[in-house]
């Protein structure tokens, strides 16, 4: 079963290079579905599936005016994903710093004489 929490939906959407390319195009400004689909050698239903994944993740919104469907990138979900990654990065850096400090204290300790331990 696929995860349905917002963060999982964003990361799943970003996992595909076609969807990342679509977002890169939309980062330049709104575009029609046809404009977004143009550079890809794939069927309209395949592009539609990619767009649905992006919409489900909240990364793309679609508006309709007359016969034109315009897509617009939504950055809020990316902001949340970025904040999550940044928080993990801070936590990992703190853990690496603690590990480094621990290793330095281990290296600074005088080594015990193994012959004394064996004879004890």
N, C-alpha and C. Protein backbone atom coordinates (compact mmCIF):
# COMPACT_ATOMS: atom_id res chain seq x y z
N UNK A 1 0.84 -1.18 0.00
CA UNK A 1 0.00 0.00 0.00
C UNK A 1 0.89 1.24 0.00
N UNK A 2 0.61 2.16 -0.87
CA UNK A 2 1.40 3.39 -0.98
C UNK A 2 1.06 4.33 0.17
N UNK A 3 2.09 5.01 0.65
CA UNK A 3 1.89 5.97 1.73
C UNK A 3 1.08 7.16 1.20
N UNK A 4 0.29 7.74 2.07
CA UNK A 4 -0.55 8.85 1.64
C UNK A 4 -0.32 10.12 2.44
N UNK A 5 0.69 10.13 3.33
CA UNK A 5 0.96 11.36 4.06
C UNK A 5 1.61 12.36 3.10
N UNK A 6 1.44 13.64 3.35
CA UNK A 6 1.92 14.66 2.41
C UNK A 6 3.40 14.56 2.06
N UNK A 7 4.25 14.31 3.05
CA UNK A 7 5.68 14.23 2.79
C UNK A 7 6.02 13.05 1.88
N UNK A 8 5.41 11.90 2.13
CA UNK A 8 5.64 10.73 1.29
C UNK A 8 5.17 10.97 -0.14
N UNK A 9 4.05 11.65 -0.30
CA UNK A 9 3.55 11.96 -1.64
C UNK A 9 4.53 12.87 -2.39
N UNK A 10 5.11 13.84 -1.69
CA UNK A 10 6.07 14.75 -2.33
C UNK A 10 7.31 13.97 -2.76
N UNK A 11 7.87 13.17 -1.85
CA UNK A 11 9.08 12.44 -2.20
C UNK A 11 8.81 11.41 -3.30
N UNK A 12 7.66 10.78 -3.29
CA UNK A 12 7.31 9.84 -4.36
C UNK A 12 7.19 10.57 -5.69
N UNK A 13 6.60 11.75 -5.68
CA UNK A 13 6.47 12.53 -6.91
C UNK A 13 7.84 12.95 -7.43
N UNK A 14 8.73 13.32 -6.53
CA UNK A 14 10.07 13.76 -6.93
C UNK A 14 10.99 12.62 -7.34
N UNK A 15 10.58 11.39 -7.07
CA UNK A 15 11.42 10.24 -7.37
C UNK A 15 11.54 9.97 -8.87
N UNK A 16 10.65 10.53 -9.65
CA UNK A 16 10.64 10.25 -11.09
C UNK A 16 11.28 11.41 -11.87
N UNK A 17 12.21 11.11 -12.78
CA UNK A 17 12.88 12.19 -13.53
C UNK A 17 11.93 12.97 -14.45
N UNK A 18 10.91 12.33 -14.98
CA UNK A 18 9.95 13.05 -15.83
C UNK A 18 9.19 14.08 -15.01
N UNK A 19 8.78 13.69 -13.81
CA UNK A 19 8.05 14.64 -12.96
C UNK A 19 8.96 15.77 -12.50
N UNK A 20 10.22 15.47 -12.23
CA UNK A 20 11.15 16.55 -11.87
C UNK A 20 11.34 17.50 -13.04
N UNK A 21 11.39 16.97 -14.26
CA UNK A 21 11.53 17.82 -15.45
C UNK A 21 10.28 18.69 -15.64
N UNK A 22 9.12 18.13 -15.37
CA UNK A 22 7.87 18.91 -15.46
C UNK A 22 7.92 20.05 -14.45
N UNK A 23 8.35 19.76 -13.23
CA UNK A 23 8.45 20.81 -12.22
C UNK A 23 9.48 21.87 -12.61
N UNK A 24 10.58 21.44 -13.21
CA UNK A 24 11.59 22.40 -13.66
C UNK A 24 10.99 23.34 -14.70
N UNK A 25 10.18 22.79 -15.59
CA UNK A 25 9.52 23.64 -16.59
C UNK A 25 8.55 24.60 -15.92
N UNK A 26 7.76 24.11 -14.98
CA UNK A 26 6.77 24.95 -14.32
C UNK A 26 7.42 25.97 -13.37
N UNK A 27 8.66 25.74 -12.96
CA UNK A 27 9.37 26.71 -12.14
C UNK A 27 9.63 27.99 -12.94
N UNK A 28 9.59 27.88 -14.27
CA UNK A 28 9.78 29.05 -15.14
C UNK A 28 8.49 29.86 -15.26
N UNK A 29 7.38 29.26 -14.89
CA UNK A 29 6.10 29.95 -14.96
C UNK A 29 5.00 28.99 -15.40
N UNK A 30 3.74 29.39 -15.27
CA UNK A 30 2.62 28.54 -15.66
C UNK A 30 2.73 28.13 -17.12
N UNK A 31 2.16 26.97 -17.43
CA UNK A 31 2.19 26.46 -18.81
C UNK A 31 0.95 25.61 -19.03
N UNK A 32 0.58 25.46 -20.29
CA UNK A 32 -0.54 24.57 -20.62
C UNK A 32 -0.04 23.13 -20.56
N UNK A 33 -0.97 22.22 -20.50
CA UNK A 33 -0.62 20.80 -20.50
C UNK A 33 0.17 20.47 -21.76
N UNK A 34 -0.23 21.00 -22.89
CA UNK A 34 0.48 20.76 -24.15
C UNK A 34 1.91 21.26 -24.12
N UNK A 35 2.12 22.43 -23.54
CA UNK A 35 3.47 22.98 -23.43
C UNK A 35 4.35 22.11 -22.53
N UNK A 36 3.77 21.63 -21.46
CA UNK A 36 4.52 20.78 -20.54
C UNK A 36 4.84 19.43 -21.20
N UNK A 37 3.90 18.90 -21.96
CA UNK A 37 4.07 17.58 -22.58
C UNK A 37 5.01 17.60 -23.78
N UNK A 38 5.15 18.75 -24.42
CA UNK A 38 5.88 18.85 -25.69
C UNK A 38 7.26 18.19 -25.72
N UNK A 39 8.13 18.40 -24.74
CA UNK A 39 9.48 17.84 -24.85
C UNK A 39 9.58 16.33 -24.59
N UNK A 40 8.48 15.71 -24.18
CA UNK A 40 8.54 14.30 -23.80
C UNK A 40 8.02 13.40 -24.91
N UNK A 41 8.75 12.35 -25.16
CA UNK A 41 8.33 11.36 -26.16
C UNK A 41 7.48 10.30 -25.46
N UNK A 42 6.30 10.71 -25.03
CA UNK A 42 5.38 9.77 -24.38
C UNK A 42 3.95 10.18 -24.69
N UNK A 43 3.06 9.25 -24.46
CA UNK A 43 1.66 9.47 -24.80
C UNK A 43 1.01 10.48 -23.87
N UNK A 44 -0.08 11.05 -24.32
CA UNK A 44 -0.85 11.98 -23.50
C UNK A 44 -1.32 11.33 -22.20
N UNK A 45 -1.80 10.06 -22.25
CA UNK A 45 -2.20 9.42 -20.98
C UNK A 45 -1.02 9.27 -20.00
N UNK A 46 0.18 9.03 -20.52
CA UNK A 46 1.34 8.90 -19.63
C UNK A 46 1.65 10.25 -18.97
N UNK A 47 1.61 11.32 -19.75
CA UNK A 47 1.83 12.66 -19.18
C UNK A 47 0.74 12.96 -18.15
N UNK A 48 -0.48 12.59 -18.48
CA UNK A 48 -1.61 12.82 -17.56
C UNK A 48 -1.37 12.11 -16.23
N UNK A 49 -0.84 10.89 -16.28
CA UNK A 49 -0.55 10.15 -15.04
C UNK A 49 0.49 10.89 -14.20
N UNK A 50 1.54 11.37 -14.86
CA UNK A 50 2.56 12.13 -14.14
C UNK A 50 1.96 13.38 -13.51
N UNK A 51 1.11 14.06 -14.24
CA UNK A 51 0.48 15.26 -13.70
C UNK A 51 -0.41 14.94 -12.51
N UNK A 52 -1.12 13.81 -12.57
CA UNK A 52 -1.97 13.41 -11.44
C UNK A 52 -1.13 13.17 -10.19
N UNK A 53 0.03 12.54 -10.35
CA UNK A 53 0.91 12.30 -9.20
C UNK A 53 1.36 13.64 -8.62
N UNK A 54 1.75 14.56 -9.48
CA UNK A 54 2.19 15.89 -9.02
C UNK A 54 1.05 16.65 -8.34
N UNK A 55 -0.15 16.53 -8.89
CA UNK A 55 -1.31 17.20 -8.28
C UNK A 55 -1.65 16.58 -6.93
N UNK A 56 -1.61 15.25 -6.85
CA UNK A 56 -1.92 14.56 -5.59
C UNK A 56 -0.93 14.98 -4.50
N UNK A 57 0.31 15.23 -4.89
CA UNK A 57 1.33 15.67 -3.93
C UNK A 57 1.21 17.16 -3.61
N UNK A 58 0.33 17.86 -4.32
CA UNK A 58 0.15 19.29 -4.09
C UNK A 58 1.20 20.15 -4.76
N UNK A 59 2.00 19.56 -5.65
CA UNK A 59 3.09 20.29 -6.30
C UNK A 59 2.64 21.07 -7.53
N UNK A 60 1.48 20.70 -8.06
CA UNK A 60 0.95 21.33 -9.27
C UNK A 60 -0.54 21.59 -9.07
N UNK A 61 -0.97 22.76 -9.49
CA UNK A 61 -2.41 23.03 -9.53
C UNK A 61 -2.79 23.25 -10.99
N UNK A 62 -4.04 22.95 -11.29
CA UNK A 62 -4.54 23.05 -12.66
C UNK A 62 -5.75 23.97 -12.67
N UNK A 63 -5.75 24.93 -13.58
CA UNK A 63 -6.91 25.80 -13.77
C UNK A 63 -7.37 25.64 -15.22
N UNK A 64 -8.66 25.83 -15.42
CA UNK A 64 -9.22 25.70 -16.76
C UNK A 64 -9.88 27.00 -17.15
N UNK A 65 -9.48 27.51 -18.32
CA UNK A 65 -10.13 28.68 -18.91
C UNK A 65 -10.43 28.33 -20.35
N UNK A 66 -11.71 28.30 -20.67
CA UNK A 66 -12.16 27.87 -22.00
C UNK A 66 -11.60 26.48 -22.26
N UNK A 67 -10.89 26.29 -23.37
CA UNK A 67 -10.35 24.96 -23.67
C UNK A 67 -8.93 24.78 -23.14
N UNK A 68 -8.37 25.79 -22.48
CA UNK A 68 -6.99 25.73 -22.01
C UNK A 68 -6.91 25.27 -20.55
N UNK A 69 -6.06 24.30 -20.31
CA UNK A 69 -5.78 23.85 -18.95
C UNK A 69 -4.37 24.32 -18.60
N UNK A 70 -4.29 25.21 -17.65
CA UNK A 70 -3.00 25.77 -17.27
C UNK A 70 -2.51 25.13 -15.98
N UNK A 71 -1.24 24.79 -15.98
CA UNK A 71 -0.61 24.18 -14.81
C UNK A 71 0.28 25.21 -14.14
N UNK A 72 0.25 25.21 -12.82
CA UNK A 72 1.08 26.12 -12.04
C UNK A 72 1.76 25.31 -10.94
N UNK A 73 3.04 25.58 -10.74
CA UNK A 73 3.78 24.90 -9.69
C UNK A 73 3.41 25.50 -8.34
N UNK A 74 3.27 24.65 -7.34
CA UNK A 74 3.00 25.06 -5.97
C UNK A 74 4.23 24.71 -5.13
N UNK A 75 4.82 25.70 -4.49
CA UNK A 75 6.09 25.46 -3.80
C UNK A 75 5.95 25.05 -2.34
N UNK A 76 4.78 25.21 -1.76
CA UNK A 76 4.62 24.91 -0.33
C UNK A 76 5.02 23.48 0.02
N UNK A 77 4.59 22.47 -0.75
CA UNK A 77 5.02 21.11 -0.41
C UNK A 77 6.54 20.93 -0.48
N UNK A 78 7.18 21.61 -1.41
CA UNK A 78 8.64 21.54 -1.50
C UNK A 78 9.28 22.21 -0.29
N UNK A 79 8.68 23.29 0.18
CA UNK A 79 9.18 23.96 1.38
C UNK A 79 9.12 23.02 2.58
N UNK A 80 8.02 22.28 2.71
CA UNK A 80 7.88 21.34 3.83
C UNK A 80 8.90 20.21 3.72
N UNK A 81 9.09 19.69 2.51
CA UNK A 81 10.08 18.62 2.30
C UNK A 81 11.48 19.12 2.60
N UNK A 82 11.78 20.33 2.15
CA UNK A 82 13.09 20.92 2.40
C UNK A 82 13.33 21.11 3.90
N UNK A 83 12.33 21.56 4.61
CA UNK A 83 12.45 21.74 6.06
C UNK A 83 12.68 20.40 6.75
N UNK A 84 12.00 19.36 6.30
CA UNK A 84 12.19 18.03 6.87
C UNK A 84 13.62 17.56 6.64
N UNK A 85 14.12 17.71 5.42
CA UNK A 85 15.49 17.30 5.10
C UNK A 85 16.49 18.11 5.93
N UNK A 86 16.27 19.40 6.04
CA UNK A 86 17.17 20.25 6.81
C UNK A 86 17.20 19.85 8.28
N UNK A 87 16.06 19.50 8.84
CA UNK A 87 16.01 19.05 10.24
C UNK A 87 16.80 17.75 10.41
N UNK A 88 16.63 16.81 9.49
CA UNK A 88 17.38 15.55 9.56
C UNK A 88 18.88 15.83 9.42
N UNK A 89 19.24 16.74 8.51
CA UNK A 89 20.65 17.08 8.31
C UNK A 89 21.26 17.63 9.59
N UNK A 90 20.54 18.51 10.27
CA UNK A 90 21.04 19.05 11.54
C UNK A 90 21.24 17.94 12.57
N UNK A 91 20.25 17.03 12.66
CA UNK A 91 20.35 15.92 13.61
C UNK A 91 21.54 15.02 13.28
N UNK A 92 21.71 14.69 12.00
CA UNK A 92 22.83 13.84 11.60
C UNK A 92 24.16 14.52 11.88
N UNK A 93 24.26 15.82 11.62
CA UNK A 93 25.50 16.54 11.89
C UNK A 93 25.82 16.54 13.37
N UNK A 94 24.80 16.70 14.21
CA UNK A 94 25.03 16.64 15.66
C UNK A 94 25.54 15.26 16.07
N UNK A 95 24.97 14.23 15.49
CA UNK A 95 25.41 12.86 15.81
C UNK A 95 26.84 12.62 15.33
N UNK A 96 27.17 13.09 14.13
CA UNK A 96 28.53 12.94 13.63
C UNK A 96 29.51 13.71 14.50
N UNK A 97 29.12 14.91 14.94
CA UNK A 97 29.99 15.70 15.83
C UNK A 97 30.22 14.96 17.14
N UNK A 98 29.16 14.36 17.69
CA UNK A 98 29.30 13.61 18.94
C UNK A 98 30.19 12.38 18.73
N UNK A 99 30.03 11.71 17.61
CA UNK A 99 30.88 10.55 17.31
C UNK A 99 32.33 10.98 17.18
N UNK A 100 32.57 12.09 16.48
CA UNK A 100 33.93 12.58 16.31
C UNK A 100 34.56 12.91 17.66
N UNK A 101 33.79 13.56 18.53
CA UNK A 101 34.30 13.91 19.86
C UNK A 101 34.62 12.65 20.65
N UNK A 102 33.76 11.65 20.55
CA UNK A 102 33.99 10.39 21.26
C UNK A 102 35.24 9.69 20.75
N UNK A 103 35.42 9.67 19.43
CA UNK A 103 36.60 9.03 18.85
C UNK A 103 37.88 9.75 19.28
N UNK A 104 37.82 11.08 19.37
CA UNK A 104 38.99 11.84 19.80
C UNK A 104 39.34 11.53 21.26
N UNK A 105 38.33 11.36 22.12
CA UNK A 105 38.62 11.02 23.52
C UNK A 105 39.19 9.61 23.61
N UNK A 106 38.73 8.73 22.74
CA UNK A 106 39.27 7.37 22.74
C UNK A 106 40.73 7.37 22.28
N UNK A 107 41.06 8.20 21.30
CA UNK A 107 42.43 8.27 20.80
C UNK A 107 43.35 8.94 21.82
N UNK A 108 42.81 9.83 22.62
CA UNK A 108 43.62 10.56 23.59
C UNK A 108 43.93 9.73 24.82
N UNK A 109 43.18 8.68 25.10
CA UNK A 109 43.42 7.83 26.27
C UNK A 109 44.71 7.05 26.07
N UNK A 110 45.48 6.91 27.13
CA UNK A 110 46.67 6.07 27.01
C UNK A 110 46.24 4.62 26.81
N UNK A 111 46.95 3.95 25.93
CA UNK A 111 46.59 2.55 25.66
C UNK A 111 47.01 1.71 26.86
N UNK A 112 46.16 0.74 27.20
CA UNK A 112 46.49 -0.14 28.31
C UNK A 112 47.46 -1.18 27.83
N UNK A 113 48.28 -1.63 28.72
CA UNK A 113 49.27 -2.65 28.39
C UNK A 113 48.58 -4.00 28.41
N UNK A 114 48.49 -4.65 27.26
CA UNK A 114 47.80 -5.94 27.16
C UNK A 114 48.45 -7.02 27.97
N UNK A 115 49.75 -6.93 28.21
CA UNK A 115 50.42 -7.98 28.99
C UNK A 115 49.97 -7.92 30.44
N UNK A 116 49.69 -6.72 30.97
CA UNK A 116 49.22 -6.60 32.33
C UNK A 116 47.83 -7.17 32.47
N UNK A 117 46.97 -6.94 31.45
CA UNK A 117 45.61 -7.46 31.52
C UNK A 117 45.61 -8.97 31.48
N UNK A 118 46.48 -9.56 30.69
CA UNK A 118 46.52 -11.02 30.57
C UNK A 118 47.01 -11.66 31.85
N UNK A 119 47.91 -10.98 32.58
CA UNK A 119 48.46 -11.55 33.79
C UNK A 119 47.59 -11.33 35.00
N UNK A 120 46.60 -10.51 34.92
CA UNK A 120 45.77 -10.16 36.07
C UNK A 120 44.90 -11.28 36.48
